[in-house]
Amino acid sequence: MNDEIIKTPQDNSEAPLVEVKNLKQYFNINTGLFKSKPLKAVDGISFTIGEGETLGLVGESGCGKTTVGRTLLHLYKPTAGEVYYRGNKIVTPHDIKEFRKHATMVFQDPYSSLNPRMTVADIIGEPLDIHNMYESKAERQEKILELMDHVGLNSEHASRYAHEFSGGQRQRIGIARALAINPDFIVCDEPVSALDVSIQAQIINMFDELQEKIGLSYLFIAHDLLVVRHISNRIAVMYLGKMVELADATEIYDHPLHPYSRALISAVPVPDPNIAKANQRIALGGDIPSPLNAPSGCPFRTRCPYATEQCAAEMPEFKEVYKGHFVACHNLDKVN
């Protein structure tokens, strides 16, 4: 990174690839005549991602998962909090531009995230143009064809337009575009949710292969827990803008501690009918509160069977209860 980027005490060889501290993203929503209220889409979350690691981020629709990814990359200006890349704090427009030479995003919808007026070659080549990553048109074309080959597209596809491709092929174009800057970190925002199941497996396997070949790190945002378990080293669970649990992928599946995590995992379908029959599905009562009118204290308390007066009075601390296993809950002794 450039020397102009602010150095921090974490600026050493032991610093994680990406570190997020107390990240907040509030949106002012008009509620009436000259009145507005903050919608707390992301409300003070912290995590790290190491080199070559995949952190899965799960939760119900509307919990703030996508906003985390976009705010991390400064597509939204953070309301508060800090983002570090290799120990360097991302603050100024120059820092952001440098950061985006190493970090990028694969978007959820392969239909709306590609410009219909651009050919595949121009879509994939756009990041190369922005960052001046070639010296001649021949080199640009060579890089584009190499990227297309990486993701399983043929060279004759280069002159075609996005609408001529299936959903799976469009997502491959999006992945090739993300790889154009030779990143080491990619935010994957539900990259397979809009695809058929058979195509999902191909795209997930491609992410795995690219990580093995190039050493990529991912923030993998999804609501499909089976997909997240397959690809992630660690999993973070979000609820209404807050992070409620974070642990190793196997640990969080085998020993979920937060009542919300337990309910989520109990809903994961099991292919073995005998095991599925023995499993107890945990049904949550009530509806998800609006982030515009979030409950006081713990945001999950209105649906939690273990909630107490303390839960209404104060937000539980997000703390490490076992090595590498973090939870935010006042009543862990009752839950487990």
Protein backbone atom coordinates (compact mmCIF):
# COMPACT_ATOMS: atom_id res chain seq x y z
CA MET A 1 0.00 0.00 0.00
CA ASN A 2 1.01 3.63 -0.51
CA ASP A 3 2.95 5.31 2.31
CA GLU A 4 0.28 8.03 2.49
CA ILE A 5 -2.17 5.56 4.00
CA ILE A 6 -2.47 6.05 7.75
CA LYS A 7 -0.44 3.52 9.71
CA THR A 8 -1.84 1.93 12.85
CA PRO A 9 -0.41 -0.29 15.61
CA GLN A 10 -1.81 -3.28 13.67
CA ASP A 11 0.51 -2.48 10.74
CA ASN A 12 2.72 -5.56 10.96
CA SER A 13 3.09 -9.00 9.46
CA GLU A 14 0.59 -10.41 11.97
CA ALA A 15 -2.22 -8.03 10.97
CA PRO A 16 -5.30 -9.72 9.41
CA LEU A 17 -5.98 -9.08 5.74
CA VAL A 18 -9.18 -7.18 6.55
CA GLU A 19 -10.30 -5.90 9.94
CA VAL A 20 -13.59 -4.18 10.76
CA LYS A 21 -14.06 -2.36 14.08
CA ASN A 22 -17.45 -1.20 15.39
CA LEU A 23 -18.84 -0.62 11.89
CA LYS A 24 -22.10 1.32 11.70
CA GLN A 25 -24.26 2.24 8.75
CA TYR A 26 -27.36 4.35 9.40
CA PHE A 27 -29.74 5.66 6.73
CA ASN A 28 -31.97 8.67 7.44
CA ILE A 29 -35.56 7.79 6.55
CA ASN A 30 -38.26 10.44 6.11
CA THR A 31 -41.09 9.73 8.57
CA GLY A 32 -43.27 12.77 7.98
CA LEU A 33 -43.23 16.49 7.34
CA PHE A 34 -39.62 17.64 7.86
CA LYS A 35 -39.00 14.62 10.12
CA SER A 36 -36.53 11.78 9.70
CA LYS A 37 -35.33 8.82 11.71
CA PRO A 38 -32.15 6.72 11.43
CA LEU A 39 -32.55 3.19 10.12
CA LYS A 40 -29.73 1.25 11.77
CA ALA A 41 -28.87 -1.21 8.99
CA VAL A 42 -25.51 -2.10 10.58
CA ASP A 43 -25.09 -1.25 14.23
CA GLY A 44 -21.58 -1.69 15.61
CA ILE A 45 -20.13 -4.97 14.32
CA SER A 46 -16.49 -6.12 14.38
CA PHE A 47 -14.65 -9.01 12.72
CA THR A 48 -11.41 -9.96 10.97
CA ILE A 49 -10.66 -11.98 7.84
CA GLY A 50 -7.27 -13.63 7.40
CA GLU A 51 -5.39 -14.34 4.19
CA GLY A 52 -6.87 -17.26 2.28
CA GLU A 53 -9.86 -17.40 4.65
CA THR A 54 -13.58 -17.35 3.95
CA LEU A 55 -15.87 -15.74 6.51
CA GLY A 56 -19.52 -16.65 5.95
CA LEU A 57 -22.09 -14.02 6.94
CA VAL A 58 -25.64 -15.32 7.45
CA GLY A 59 -28.98 -14.07 8.72
CA GLU A 60 -32.55 -13.39 7.64
CA SER A 61 -33.39 -11.01 4.80
CA GLY A 62 -33.10 -7.41 5.95
CA CYS A 63 -30.62 -8.10 8.75
CA GLY A 64 -27.92 -5.92 7.14
CA LYS A 65 -25.63 -8.53 5.53
CA THR A 66 -25.36 -6.82 2.14
CA THR A 67 -24.94 -3.42 3.77
CA VAL A 68 -21.93 -4.78 5.69
CA GLY A 69 -20.23 -5.81 2.44
CA ARG A 70 -20.97 -2.54 0.64
CA THR A 71 -19.93 -0.40 3.61
CA LEU A 72 -16.73 -2.39 4.08
CA LEU A 73 -15.76 -1.54 0.48
CA HIS A 74 -16.89 2.08 1.01
CA LEU A 75 -19.61 1.83 -1.62
CA TYR A 76 -21.55 3.39 1.26
CA LYS A 77 -19.71 5.88 3.44
CA PRO A 78 -19.64 4.34 6.96
CA THR A 79 -21.64 6.25 9.57
CA ALA A 80 -19.02 5.20 12.14
CA GLY A 81 -16.36 2.57 12.70
CA GLU A 82 -13.06 1.67 11.09
CA VAL A 83 -11.93 -0.58 8.24
CA TYR A 84 -8.31 -1.75 7.97
CA TYR A 85 -6.57 -3.50 5.09
CA ARG A 86 -3.30 -5.22 6.04
CA GLY A 87 -3.17 -3.04 9.15
CA ASN A 88 -3.70 0.20 7.20
CA LYS A 89 -6.75 2.29 8.05
CA ILE A 90 -8.97 3.22 5.09
CA VAL A 91 -9.88 6.89 5.51
CA THR A 92 -9.23 9.20 2.55
CA PRO A 93 -10.41 8.92 -1.09
CA HIS A 94 -6.82 7.95 -1.96
CA ASP A 95 -6.93 5.13 0.61
CA ILE A 96 -10.23 3.90 -0.82
CA LYS A 97 -8.87 3.89 -4.38
CA GLU A 98 -5.78 1.95 -3.28
CA PHE A 99 -7.94 -0.49 -1.29
CA ARG A 100 -10.11 -1.15 -4.34
CA LYS A 101 -7.05 -2.26 -6.28
CA HIS A 102 -7.00 -5.25 -3.93
CA ALA A 103 -10.66 -5.67 -2.93
CA THR A 104 -13.78 -6.03 -5.05
CA MET A 105 -17.31 -7.44 -5.07
CA VAL A 106 -19.41 -10.07 -6.84
CA PHE A 107 -23.04 -8.93 -6.79
CA GLN A 108 -26.18 -10.93 -6.08
CA ASP A 109 -28.17 -10.39 -9.25
CA PRO A 110 -26.32 -11.39 -12.44
CA TYR A 111 -29.13 -9.79 -14.48
CA SER A 112 -28.98 -6.22 -13.12
CA SER A 113 -25.26 -6.01 -12.23
CA LEU A 114 -24.05 -6.16 -15.86
CA ASN A 115 -24.43 -3.23 -18.26
CA PRO A 116 -26.64 -4.40 -21.15
CA ARG A 117 -25.02 -1.90 -23.53
CA MET A 118 -21.51 -3.29 -23.04
CA THR A 119 -19.98 -6.39 -24.60
CA VAL A 120 -18.55 -9.08 -22.34
CA ALA A 121 -15.03 -7.91 -23.22
CA ASP A 122 -15.83 -4.34 -22.16
CA ILE A 123 -17.54 -5.45 -18.94
CA ILE A 124 -14.54 -7.52 -17.89
CA GLY A 125 -12.08 -4.91 -19.16
CA GLU A 126 -13.67 -1.96 -17.33
CA PRO A 127 -11.64 -2.43 -14.10
CA LEU A 128 -8.48 -2.69 -16.22
CA ASP A 129 -9.39 0.66 -17.82
CA ILE A 130 -10.15 2.36 -14.48
CA HIS A 131 -6.86 1.28 -12.87
CA ASN A 132 -4.70 1.58 -16.04
CA MET A 133 -3.59 -2.03 -15.80
CA TYR A 134 -2.35 -2.51 -19.37
CA GLU A 135 0.07 -0.80 -21.73
CA SER A 136 -1.50 -1.69 -25.07
CA LYS A 137 -4.83 -2.83 -26.53
CA ALA A 138 -3.28 -6.19 -27.30
CA GLU A 139 -2.31 -6.67 -23.64
CA ARG A 140 -5.82 -5.64 -22.56
CA GLN A 141 -7.38 -8.18 -24.91
CA GLU A 142 -4.99 -10.90 -23.74
CA LYS A 143 -5.88 -10.25 -20.09
CA ILE A 144 -9.62 -10.32 -20.85
CA LEU A 145 -9.38 -13.66 -22.66
CA GLU A 146 -7.27 -15.08 -19.83
CA LEU A 147 -9.89 -14.00 -17.27
CA MET A 148 -12.67 -15.53 -19.36
CA ASP A 149 -10.76 -18.80 -19.50
CA HIS A 150 -10.36 -18.69 -15.69
CA VAL A 151 -14.13 -18.75 -15.22
CA GLY A 152 -15.01 -21.21 -17.99
CA LEU A 153 -16.08 -18.83 -20.77
CA ASN A 154 -15.01 -19.20 -24.40
CA SER A 155 -13.11 -16.52 -26.29
CA GLU A 156 -15.95 -16.19 -28.84
CA HIS A 157 -18.19 -14.92 -26.01
CA ALA A 158 -16.11 -11.73 -25.77
CA SER A 159 -18.03 -9.82 -28.45
CA ARG A 160 -21.49 -10.81 -27.22
CA TYR A 161 -23.81 -8.95 -24.83
CA ALA A 162 -24.95 -9.96 -21.35
CA HIS A 163 -28.58 -10.57 -22.33
CA GLU A 164 -27.43 -13.42 -24.61
CA PHE A 165 -26.28 -15.51 -21.64
CA SER A 166 -27.94 -17.64 -18.98
CA GLY A 167 -27.89 -16.64 -15.31
CA GLY A 168 -24.96 -18.91 -14.52
CA GLN A 169 -22.92 -17.57 -17.43
CA ARG A 170 -23.71 -13.99 -16.42
CA GLN A 171 -22.45 -14.67 -12.92
CA ARG A 172 -19.24 -16.06 -14.44
CA ILE A 173 -18.86 -12.76 -16.30
CA GLY A 174 -19.32 -10.93 -13.01
CA ILE A 175 -16.67 -13.10 -11.35
CA ALA A 176 -14.25 -12.51 -14.25
CA ARG A 177 -14.81 -8.76 -13.84
CA ALA A 178 -14.06 -9.06 -10.11
CA LEU A 179 -10.84 -10.98 -10.85
CA ALA A 180 -9.63 -8.38 -13.38
CA ILE A 181 -7.73 -6.30 -10.80
CA ASN A 182 -6.02 -9.44 -9.44
CA PRO A 183 -7.60 -8.94 -5.98
CA ASP A 184 -6.79 -10.76 -2.78
CA PHE A 185 -10.19 -10.04 -1.15
CA ILE A 186 -13.68 -10.40 -2.63
CA VAL A 187 -17.05 -9.63 -1.05
CA CYS A 188 -19.46 -12.24 -2.44
CA ASP A 189 -22.98 -10.88 -1.96
CA GLU A 190 -25.28 -13.91 -2.25
CA PRO A 191 -23.62 -14.81 -5.57
CA VAL A 192 -25.62 -18.02 -6.11
CA SER A 193 -29.06 -17.19 -4.69
CA ALA A 194 -30.51 -16.26 -8.10
CA LEU A 195 -29.21 -19.42 -9.82
CA ASP A 196 -30.53 -22.95 -10.30
CA VAL A 197 -29.27 -25.51 -7.78
CA SER A 198 -27.11 -27.37 -10.32
CA ILE A 199 -25.50 -24.10 -11.41
CA GLN A 200 -25.01 -23.06 -7.78
CA ALA A 201 -22.73 -26.06 -7.24
CA GLN A 202 -20.61 -25.13 -10.27
CA ILE A 203 -20.17 -21.53 -9.09
CA ILE A 204 -19.35 -22.57 -5.50
CA ASN A 205 -16.76 -25.04 -6.79
CA MET A 206 -15.28 -22.27 -8.93
CA PHE A 207 -14.91 -20.04 -5.85
CA ASP A 208 -13.16 -22.91 -4.07
CA GLU A 209 -10.79 -23.52 -6.99
CA LEU A 210 -9.96 -19.82 -7.35
CA GLN A 211 -9.22 -19.58 -3.64
CA GLU A 212 -6.89 -22.58 -3.85
CA LYS A 213 -5.19 -21.36 -7.02
CA ILE A 214 -4.86 -17.62 -6.27
CA GLY A 215 -5.11 -17.52 -2.46
CA LEU A 216 -8.22 -15.33 -2.38
CA SER A 217 -10.03 -14.34 0.81
CA TYR A 218 -13.82 -13.99 0.83
CA LEU A 219 -16.58 -12.39 2.84
CA PHE A 220 -19.31 -14.76 1.68
CA ILE A 221 -22.78 -13.33 2.32
CA ALA A 222 -25.66 -15.79 2.00
CA HIS A 223 -28.90 -17.02 3.54
CA ASP A 224 -28.39 -20.66 2.46
CA LEU A 225 -26.68 -22.24 5.46
CA LEU A 226 -25.66 -25.39 3.58
CA VAL A 227 -23.77 -23.31 1.00
CA VAL A 228 -22.11 -21.23 3.72
CA ARG A 229 -21.04 -24.31 5.66
CA HIS A 230 -19.46 -25.81 2.55
CA ILE A 231 -17.35 -22.79 1.62
CA SER A 232 -16.61 -21.03 4.94
CA ASN A 233 -13.82 -21.40 7.49
CA ARG A 234 -15.74 -19.34 10.04
CA ILE A 235 -19.37 -18.21 10.17
CA ALA A 236 -20.86 -15.01 11.61
CA VAL A 237 -24.59 -14.75 12.37
CA MET A 238 -26.36 -11.39 12.10
CA TYR A 239 -29.72 -10.29 13.41
CA LEU A 240 -31.22 -6.82 12.90
CA GLY A 241 -27.91 -5.06 12.28
CA LYS A 242 -26.04 -6.78 15.13
CA MET A 243 -23.63 -9.71 15.11
CA VAL A 244 -24.91 -12.30 17.60
CA GLU A 245 -22.47 -15.19 17.10
CA LEU A 246 -19.14 -15.92 15.41
CA ALA A 247 -17.24 -19.22 15.41
CA ASP A 248 -15.53 -21.88 13.32
CA ALA A 249 -17.95 -23.27 10.71
CA THR A 250 -18.04 -26.77 12.17
CA GLU A 251 -18.29 -25.46 15.73
CA ILE A 252 -21.24 -23.19 15.00
CA TYR A 253 -23.12 -26.03 13.29
CA ASP A 254 -22.40 -28.62 15.96
CA HIS A 255 -22.62 -26.33 19.02
CA PRO A 256 -24.60 -23.15 18.30
CA LEU A 257 -24.89 -21.11 21.50
CA HIS A 258 -27.14 -18.16 20.65
CA PRO A 259 -30.89 -18.98 20.54
CA TYR A 260 -31.20 -17.34 17.11
CA SER A 261 -28.31 -19.41 15.70
CA ARG A 262 -29.89 -22.57 17.13
CA ALA A 263 -33.19 -21.76 15.42
CA LEU A 264 -31.48 -21.05 12.09
CA ILE A 265 -29.48 -24.28 12.13
CA SER A 266 -32.46 -26.38 13.21
CA ALA A 267 -34.18 -25.28 9.98
CA VAL A 268 -31.38 -26.58 7.71
CA PRO A 269 -32.73 -29.57 5.71
CA VAL A 270 -30.99 -32.91 6.37
CA PRO A 271 -30.83 -35.47 3.51
CA ASP A 272 -31.14 -38.46 5.88
CA PRO A 273 -34.88 -38.90 6.73
CA ASN A 274 -34.13 -40.69 10.01
CA ILE A 275 -31.88 -37.90 11.26
CA ALA A 276 -34.33 -35.28 9.97
CA LYS A 277 -37.17 -36.93 11.90
CA ALA A 278 -35.12 -37.00 15.10
CA ASN A 279 -34.11 -33.34 14.79
CA GLN A 280 -36.18 -30.85 16.74
CA ARG A 281 -37.14 -27.84 14.64
CA ILE A 282 -37.03 -24.65 16.73
CA ALA A 283 -39.88 -22.40 15.65
CA LEU A 284 -39.54 -18.70 16.45
CA GLY A 285 -42.64 -16.76 17.42
CA GLY A 286 -43.47 -13.27 16.26
CA ASP A 287 -42.24 -11.22 13.33
CA ILE A 288 -38.86 -9.62 12.75
CA PRO A 289 -39.01 -6.07 14.16
CA SER A 290 -38.35 -3.20 11.80
CA PRO A 291 -34.78 -1.85 12.00
CA LEU A 292 -36.45 1.56 11.99
CA ASN A 293 -38.05 0.71 15.35
CA ALA A 294 -35.65 -1.85 16.80
CA PRO A 295 -36.33 -3.12 20.33
CA SER A 296 -34.31 -1.73 23.21
CA GLY A 297 -31.48 -3.88 24.56
CA CYS A 298 -31.03 -7.15 22.69
CA PRO A 299 -32.71 -6.93 19.26
CA PHE A 300 -33.69 -10.63 19.41
CA ARG A 301 -35.50 -10.40 22.76
CA THR A 302 -39.00 -9.99 21.22
CA ARG A 303 -38.74 -13.47 19.68
CA CYS A 304 -36.51 -15.15 22.27
CA PRO A 305 -38.04 -17.69 24.71
CA TYR A 306 -35.26 -16.95 27.24
CA ALA A 307 -35.62 -13.14 27.30
CA THR A 308 -35.54 -11.37 30.69
CA GLU A 309 -35.79 -7.77 31.91
CA GLN A 310 -32.02 -7.49 31.55
CA CYS A 311 -32.36 -8.27 27.83
CA ALA A 312 -34.74 -5.31 27.44
CA ALA A 313 -32.49 -3.01 29.46
CA GLU A 314 -29.10 -3.56 27.81
CA MET A 315 -27.50 -5.05 24.73
CA PRO A 316 -25.41 -8.09 25.72
CA GLU A 317 -21.67 -7.82 25.18
CA PHE A 318 -20.29 -9.67 22.15
CA LYS A 319 -17.66 -11.73 23.96
CA GLU A 320 -15.49 -14.81 23.56
CA VAL A 321 -16.98 -17.65 25.61
CA TYR A 322 -14.74 -20.39 24.20
CA LYS A 323 -11.56 -20.05 22.15
CA GLY A 324 -12.60 -18.43 18.87
CA HIS A 325 -16.32 -18.67 19.72
CA PHE A 326 -18.00 -15.27 20.29
CA VAL A 327 -21.61 -14.78 21.40
CA ALA A 328 -23.83 -11.88 22.46
CA CYS A 329 -26.37 -13.28 24.96
CA HIS A 330 -27.24 -12.61 28.61
CA ASN A 331 -28.70 -16.08 29.20
CA LEU A 332 -26.24 -18.63 27.82
CA ASP A 333 -26.67 -20.77 30.94
CA LYS A 334 -30.42 -21.14 30.18
CA VAL A 335 -30.01 -21.68 26.44
CA ASN A 336 -27.40 -24.41 26.75
